[in-house]
């Protein structure tokens, strides 16, 4: 599930991602990002991973399409999680985007917010 969260800045989109992501999740996530890009130009994304279990196969394809079509429109991505594989995932993402990508542990959520809005 992808849930959009409140953000203190219109150019920062915040999301909580939990459970296993499905195609339906991307049908709300992608339009929200597209709308912000259309209104404000480049954006930043704060993604909080809570009890996150990855993607089903269709969502993997959705995520790949999203990354390739939005790779130059996103300035920064802050990933906040609590699992070693989530930190590893942040490192794997870096070569596939022009965005600065940084991982933060769940107990440093404030640090993630400070970094993403700076």
N, C-alpha and C. Protein backbone atom coordinates (compact mmCIF):
# COMPACT_ATOMS: atom_id res chain seq x y z
N UNK A 1 0.84 -1.17 0.00
CA UNK A 1 0.00 0.00 0.00
C UNK A 1 0.89 1.25 0.00
N UNK A 2 0.50 2.23 -0.79
CA UNK A 2 1.19 3.52 -0.79
C UNK A 2 0.20 4.57 -0.32
N UNK A 3 0.56 5.25 0.77
CA UNK A 3 -0.29 6.28 1.35
C UNK A 3 0.46 7.61 1.29
N UNK A 4 -0.17 8.64 0.70
CA UNK A 4 0.47 9.94 0.65
C UNK A 4 0.34 10.62 2.01
N UNK A 5 1.44 11.22 2.46
CA UNK A 5 1.50 11.89 3.75
C UNK A 5 1.58 13.40 3.56
N UNK A 6 1.29 14.13 4.61
CA UNK A 6 1.44 15.59 4.59
C UNK A 6 2.92 15.94 4.48
N UNK A 7 3.19 17.05 3.80
CA UNK A 7 4.56 17.51 3.64
C UNK A 7 4.59 19.02 3.89
N UNK A 8 5.66 19.51 4.51
CA UNK A 8 5.77 20.94 4.78
C UNK A 8 6.16 21.77 3.54
N UNK A 9 6.44 21.11 2.44
CA UNK A 9 6.94 21.79 1.24
C UNK A 9 6.23 21.19 0.02
N UNK A 10 5.70 22.05 -0.88
CA UNK A 10 4.96 21.56 -2.04
C UNK A 10 5.83 20.80 -3.03
N UNK A 11 7.14 20.99 -2.95
CA UNK A 11 8.04 20.26 -3.86
C UNK A 11 8.54 18.96 -3.26
N UNK A 12 8.11 18.63 -2.05
CA UNK A 12 8.46 17.36 -1.41
C UNK A 12 7.19 16.53 -1.28
N UNK A 13 7.21 15.38 -1.91
CA UNK A 13 6.10 14.44 -1.80
C UNK A 13 6.49 13.37 -0.79
N UNK A 14 5.62 13.12 0.16
CA UNK A 14 5.91 12.15 1.21
C UNK A 14 4.93 10.99 1.10
N UNK A 15 5.46 9.78 1.22
CA UNK A 15 4.64 8.57 1.11
C UNK A 15 5.05 7.57 2.17
N UNK A 16 4.06 6.82 2.67
CA UNK A 16 4.33 5.67 3.52
C UNK A 16 4.04 4.44 2.66
N UNK A 17 5.01 3.57 2.55
CA UNK A 17 4.86 2.35 1.76
C UNK A 17 4.91 1.17 2.71
N UNK A 18 3.87 0.34 2.65
CA UNK A 18 3.79 -0.78 3.58
C UNK A 18 3.26 -2.02 2.88
N UNK A 19 3.53 -3.14 3.48
CA UNK A 19 3.10 -4.41 2.90
C UNK A 19 3.79 -4.65 1.57
N UNK A 20 3.11 -5.35 0.69
CA UNK A 20 3.63 -5.62 -0.66
C UNK A 20 2.94 -4.66 -1.61
N UNK A 21 3.71 -4.00 -2.47
CA UNK A 21 3.15 -3.06 -3.42
C UNK A 21 2.60 -3.80 -4.64
N UNK A 22 1.48 -3.27 -5.16
CA UNK A 22 0.77 -3.85 -6.29
C UNK A 22 0.56 -2.79 -7.37
N UNK A 23 0.15 -3.22 -8.55
CA UNK A 23 -0.13 -2.33 -9.67
C UNK A 23 -1.09 -1.21 -9.26
N UNK A 24 -2.11 -1.52 -8.50
CA UNK A 24 -3.10 -0.52 -8.06
C UNK A 24 -2.44 0.62 -7.29
N UNK A 25 -1.41 0.33 -6.52
CA UNK A 25 -0.72 1.36 -5.76
C UNK A 25 -0.10 2.40 -6.69
N UNK A 26 0.44 1.94 -7.80
CA UNK A 26 1.09 2.85 -8.74
C UNK A 26 0.09 3.70 -9.52
N UNK A 27 -1.17 3.27 -9.57
CA UNK A 27 -2.20 4.04 -10.25
C UNK A 27 -2.60 5.29 -9.48
N UNK A 28 -2.23 5.38 -8.21
CA UNK A 28 -2.44 6.61 -7.45
C UNK A 28 -1.12 7.34 -7.20
N UNK A 29 -0.05 6.59 -6.99
CA UNK A 29 1.27 7.17 -6.72
C UNK A 29 1.80 7.97 -7.91
N UNK A 30 1.81 7.37 -9.10
CA UNK A 30 2.39 8.02 -10.28
C UNK A 30 1.64 9.30 -10.64
N UNK A 31 0.30 9.31 -10.68
CA UNK A 31 -0.39 10.58 -10.98
C UNK A 31 -0.10 11.68 -9.96
N UNK A 32 0.06 11.33 -8.69
CA UNK A 32 0.39 12.34 -7.68
C UNK A 32 1.75 12.96 -7.97
N UNK A 33 2.72 12.14 -8.35
CA UNK A 33 4.05 12.65 -8.68
C UNK A 33 3.99 13.47 -9.97
N UNK A 34 3.28 12.97 -10.97
CA UNK A 34 3.15 13.71 -12.24
C UNK A 34 2.52 15.08 -12.03
N UNK A 35 1.49 15.14 -11.20
CA UNK A 35 0.81 16.41 -10.93
C UNK A 35 1.76 17.40 -10.25
N UNK A 36 2.54 16.94 -9.30
CA UNK A 36 3.49 17.82 -8.61
C UNK A 36 4.58 18.30 -9.56
N UNK A 37 5.06 17.43 -10.43
CA UNK A 37 6.08 17.82 -11.41
C UNK A 37 5.51 18.85 -12.36
N UNK A 38 4.29 18.64 -12.81
CA UNK A 38 3.65 19.59 -13.72
C UNK A 38 3.48 20.96 -13.06
N UNK A 39 3.15 20.97 -11.79
CA UNK A 39 2.91 22.23 -11.08
C UNK A 39 4.19 22.93 -10.61
N UNK A 40 5.22 22.16 -10.26
CA UNK A 40 6.38 22.74 -9.59
C UNK A 40 7.73 22.44 -10.24
N UNK A 41 7.76 21.67 -11.31
CA UNK A 41 9.03 21.27 -11.90
C UNK A 41 9.59 20.09 -11.13
N UNK A 42 10.87 20.09 -10.89
CA UNK A 42 11.49 18.96 -10.17
C UNK A 42 10.93 18.85 -8.76
N UNK A 43 10.84 17.61 -8.29
CA UNK A 43 10.32 17.34 -6.95
C UNK A 43 11.29 16.46 -6.18
N UNK A 44 10.98 16.30 -4.92
CA UNK A 44 11.74 15.42 -4.02
C UNK A 44 10.76 14.44 -3.41
N UNK A 45 11.24 13.25 -3.11
CA UNK A 45 10.36 12.21 -2.56
C UNK A 45 10.92 11.68 -1.25
N UNK A 46 10.05 11.67 -0.25
CA UNK A 46 10.34 11.09 1.06
C UNK A 46 9.51 9.81 1.15
N UNK A 47 10.15 8.67 1.25
CA UNK A 47 9.45 7.38 1.31
C UNK A 47 9.75 6.70 2.63
N UNK A 48 8.71 6.53 3.44
CA UNK A 48 8.84 5.84 4.71
C UNK A 48 8.38 4.40 4.51
N UNK A 49 9.28 3.46 4.71
CA UNK A 49 8.99 2.04 4.53
C UNK A 49 8.62 1.44 5.88
N UNK A 50 7.37 1.02 6.02
CA UNK A 50 6.87 0.48 7.28
C UNK A 50 6.31 -0.92 7.03
N UNK A 51 6.90 -1.91 7.66
CA UNK A 51 6.48 -3.31 7.45
C UNK A 51 6.41 -3.59 5.95
N UNK A 52 7.44 -3.16 5.24
CA UNK A 52 7.50 -3.22 3.78
C UNK A 52 7.96 -4.60 3.33
N UNK A 53 7.25 -5.16 2.33
CA UNK A 53 7.55 -6.50 1.85
C UNK A 53 7.89 -6.55 0.36
N UNK A 54 8.17 -5.39 -0.24
CA UNK A 54 8.57 -5.38 -1.63
C UNK A 54 7.42 -5.20 -2.60
N UNK A 55 7.58 -5.78 -3.78
CA UNK A 55 6.64 -5.59 -4.89
C UNK A 55 6.21 -6.94 -5.44
N UNK A 56 4.97 -6.98 -5.97
CA UNK A 56 4.61 -8.14 -6.77
C UNK A 56 5.17 -7.90 -8.17
N UNK A 57 5.07 -8.88 -9.05
CA UNK A 57 5.73 -8.78 -10.36
C UNK A 57 5.22 -7.61 -11.20
N UNK A 58 3.94 -7.34 -11.17
CA UNK A 58 3.40 -6.23 -11.95
C UNK A 58 3.90 -4.89 -11.39
N UNK A 59 3.99 -4.79 -10.08
CA UNK A 59 4.48 -3.57 -9.45
C UNK A 59 5.98 -3.37 -9.71
N UNK A 60 6.74 -4.45 -9.85
CA UNK A 60 8.16 -4.32 -10.22
C UNK A 60 8.25 -3.62 -11.57
N UNK A 61 7.41 -4.03 -12.51
CA UNK A 61 7.39 -3.40 -13.83
C UNK A 61 6.95 -1.94 -13.72
N UNK A 62 5.92 -1.66 -12.91
CA UNK A 62 5.46 -0.28 -12.70
C UNK A 62 6.58 0.58 -12.13
N UNK A 63 7.31 0.04 -11.17
CA UNK A 63 8.40 0.78 -10.54
C UNK A 63 9.53 1.04 -11.53
N UNK A 64 9.82 0.07 -12.37
CA UNK A 64 10.86 0.23 -13.39
C UNK A 64 10.47 1.31 -14.39
N UNK A 65 9.23 1.30 -14.85
CA UNK A 65 8.74 2.33 -15.77
C UNK A 65 8.79 3.70 -15.11
N UNK A 66 8.38 3.77 -13.84
CA UNK A 66 8.41 5.04 -13.12
C UNK A 66 9.83 5.58 -13.05
N UNK A 67 10.77 4.74 -12.68
CA UNK A 67 12.17 5.16 -12.54
C UNK A 67 12.74 5.65 -13.86
N UNK A 68 12.43 4.99 -14.96
CA UNK A 68 13.00 5.39 -16.25
C UNK A 68 12.35 6.64 -16.81
N UNK A 69 11.07 6.85 -16.56
CA UNK A 69 10.41 8.04 -17.10
C UNK A 69 10.54 9.27 -16.22
N UNK A 70 10.91 9.09 -14.96
CA UNK A 70 11.00 10.21 -14.04
C UNK A 70 12.43 10.45 -13.54
N UNK A 71 13.41 9.80 -14.11
CA UNK A 71 14.77 9.81 -13.57
C UNK A 71 15.40 11.21 -13.54
N UNK A 72 14.97 12.12 -14.39
CA UNK A 72 15.55 13.47 -14.39
C UNK A 72 14.64 14.50 -13.73
N UNK A 73 13.45 14.09 -13.29
CA UNK A 73 12.48 15.03 -12.72
C UNK A 73 12.44 15.00 -11.19
N UNK A 74 13.22 14.11 -10.60
CA UNK A 74 13.26 13.99 -9.15
C UNK A 74 14.66 14.34 -8.68
N UNK A 75 14.74 15.33 -7.79
CA UNK A 75 16.05 15.81 -7.30
C UNK A 75 16.64 14.93 -6.21
N UNK A 76 15.79 14.55 -5.26
CA UNK A 76 16.26 13.77 -4.11
C UNK A 76 15.22 12.73 -3.73
N UNK A 77 15.71 11.62 -3.19
CA UNK A 77 14.85 10.59 -2.63
C UNK A 77 15.42 10.21 -1.27
N UNK A 78 14.61 10.38 -0.23
CA UNK A 78 14.99 9.93 1.12
C UNK A 78 14.19 8.67 1.41
N UNK A 79 14.88 7.58 1.70
CA UNK A 79 14.24 6.33 2.08
C UNK A 79 14.45 6.11 3.56
N UNK A 80 13.36 5.92 4.28
CA UNK A 80 13.41 5.70 5.72
C UNK A 80 12.91 4.29 5.99
N UNK A 81 13.75 3.47 6.60
CA UNK A 81 13.35 2.09 6.84
C UNK A 81 14.00 1.52 8.08
N UNK A 82 13.84 0.21 8.24
CA UNK A 82 14.40 -0.45 9.42
C UNK A 82 14.97 -1.83 9.12
N UNK A 83 15.20 -2.10 7.83
CA UNK A 83 15.75 -3.41 7.46
C UNK A 83 17.01 -3.24 6.63
N UNK A 84 17.94 -4.15 6.80
CA UNK A 84 19.21 -4.08 6.06
C UNK A 84 18.98 -4.10 4.55
N UNK A 85 18.02 -4.90 4.07
CA UNK A 85 17.80 -4.98 2.63
C UNK A 85 17.24 -3.68 2.07
N UNK A 86 16.53 -2.89 2.90
CA UNK A 86 16.02 -1.59 2.45
C UNK A 86 17.17 -0.61 2.25
N UNK A 87 18.15 -0.68 3.12
CA UNK A 87 19.34 0.16 2.97
C UNK A 87 20.10 -0.26 1.70
N UNK A 88 20.20 -1.54 1.46
CA UNK A 88 20.84 -2.07 0.27
C UNK A 88 20.10 -1.62 -0.98
N UNK A 89 18.75 -1.64 -0.91
CA UNK A 89 17.91 -1.22 -2.03
C UNK A 89 18.20 0.24 -2.40
N UNK A 90 18.41 1.09 -1.42
CA UNK A 90 18.72 2.49 -1.69
C UNK A 90 20.02 2.61 -2.47
N UNK A 91 21.00 1.82 -2.13
CA UNK A 91 22.29 1.85 -2.84
C UNK A 91 22.14 1.35 -4.27
N UNK A 92 21.32 0.33 -4.47
CA UNK A 92 21.10 -0.23 -5.81
C UNK A 92 20.40 0.78 -6.72
N UNK A 93 19.53 1.60 -6.16
CA UNK A 93 18.75 2.59 -6.95
C UNK A 93 19.62 3.69 -7.55
N UNK A 94 20.69 4.05 -6.90
CA UNK A 94 21.48 5.22 -7.28
C UNK A 94 21.90 5.27 -8.75
N UNK A 95 22.39 4.20 -9.35
CA UNK A 95 22.81 4.29 -10.76
C UNK A 95 21.67 4.49 -11.75
N UNK A 96 20.42 4.28 -11.31
CA UNK A 96 19.28 4.34 -12.22
C UNK A 96 18.52 5.66 -12.17
N UNK A 97 19.06 6.64 -11.47
CA UNK A 97 18.39 7.92 -11.36
C UNK A 97 19.41 9.04 -11.27
N UNK A 98 18.99 10.23 -11.69
CA UNK A 98 19.83 11.41 -11.53
C UNK A 98 19.64 12.01 -10.13
N UNK A 99 18.66 11.51 -9.40
CA UNK A 99 18.36 12.02 -8.06
C UNK A 99 19.44 11.59 -7.06
N UNK A 100 19.61 12.43 -6.05
CA UNK A 100 20.43 12.02 -4.91
C UNK A 100 19.55 11.11 -4.06
N UNK A 101 20.06 9.94 -3.72
CA UNK A 101 19.30 8.96 -2.94
C UNK A 101 20.04 8.71 -1.64
N UNK A 102 19.31 8.80 -0.52
CA UNK A 102 19.94 8.59 0.78
C UNK A 102 19.00 7.78 1.67
N UNK A 103 19.58 6.82 2.37
CA UNK A 103 18.83 5.97 3.29
C UNK A 103 18.99 6.49 4.72
N UNK A 104 17.90 6.43 5.47
CA UNK A 104 17.88 6.81 6.88
C UNK A 104 17.20 5.70 7.67
N UNK A 105 17.74 5.39 8.84
CA UNK A 105 17.08 4.44 9.73
C UNK A 105 15.82 5.09 10.30
N UNK A 106 14.85 4.26 10.65
CA UNK A 106 13.56 4.73 11.17
C UNK A 106 13.72 5.71 12.34
N UNK A 107 14.73 5.50 13.17
CA UNK A 107 14.91 6.39 14.32
C UNK A 107 15.54 7.73 13.94
N UNK A 108 15.85 7.93 12.67
CA UNK A 108 16.39 9.21 12.19
C UNK A 108 15.46 9.85 11.16
N UNK A 109 14.16 9.69 11.35
CA UNK A 109 13.19 10.26 10.43
C UNK A 109 13.32 11.78 10.36
N UNK A 110 13.62 12.42 11.48
CA UNK A 110 13.80 13.88 11.48
C UNK A 110 15.00 14.27 10.62
N UNK A 111 16.06 13.49 10.67
CA UNK A 111 17.22 13.74 9.82
C UNK A 111 16.87 13.62 8.35
N UNK A 112 16.01 12.66 8.02
CA UNK A 112 15.57 12.48 6.63
C UNK A 112 14.79 13.71 6.17
N UNK A 113 13.88 14.19 7.01
CA UNK A 113 13.11 15.39 6.66
C UNK A 113 14.04 16.60 6.49
N UNK A 114 15.00 16.76 7.39
CA UNK A 114 15.93 17.88 7.28
C UNK A 114 16.70 17.80 5.97
N UNK A 115 17.16 16.62 5.60
CA UNK A 115 17.94 16.45 4.36
C UNK A 115 17.08 16.69 3.12
N UNK A 116 15.86 16.18 3.11
CA UNK A 116 15.04 16.26 1.90
C UNK A 116 14.57 17.70 1.62
N UNK A 117 14.40 18.52 2.65
CA UNK A 117 13.95 19.90 2.42
C UNK A 117 15.09 20.91 2.27
N UNK A 118 16.33 20.51 2.56
CA UNK A 118 17.45 21.46 2.47
C UNK A 118 17.78 21.83 1.06
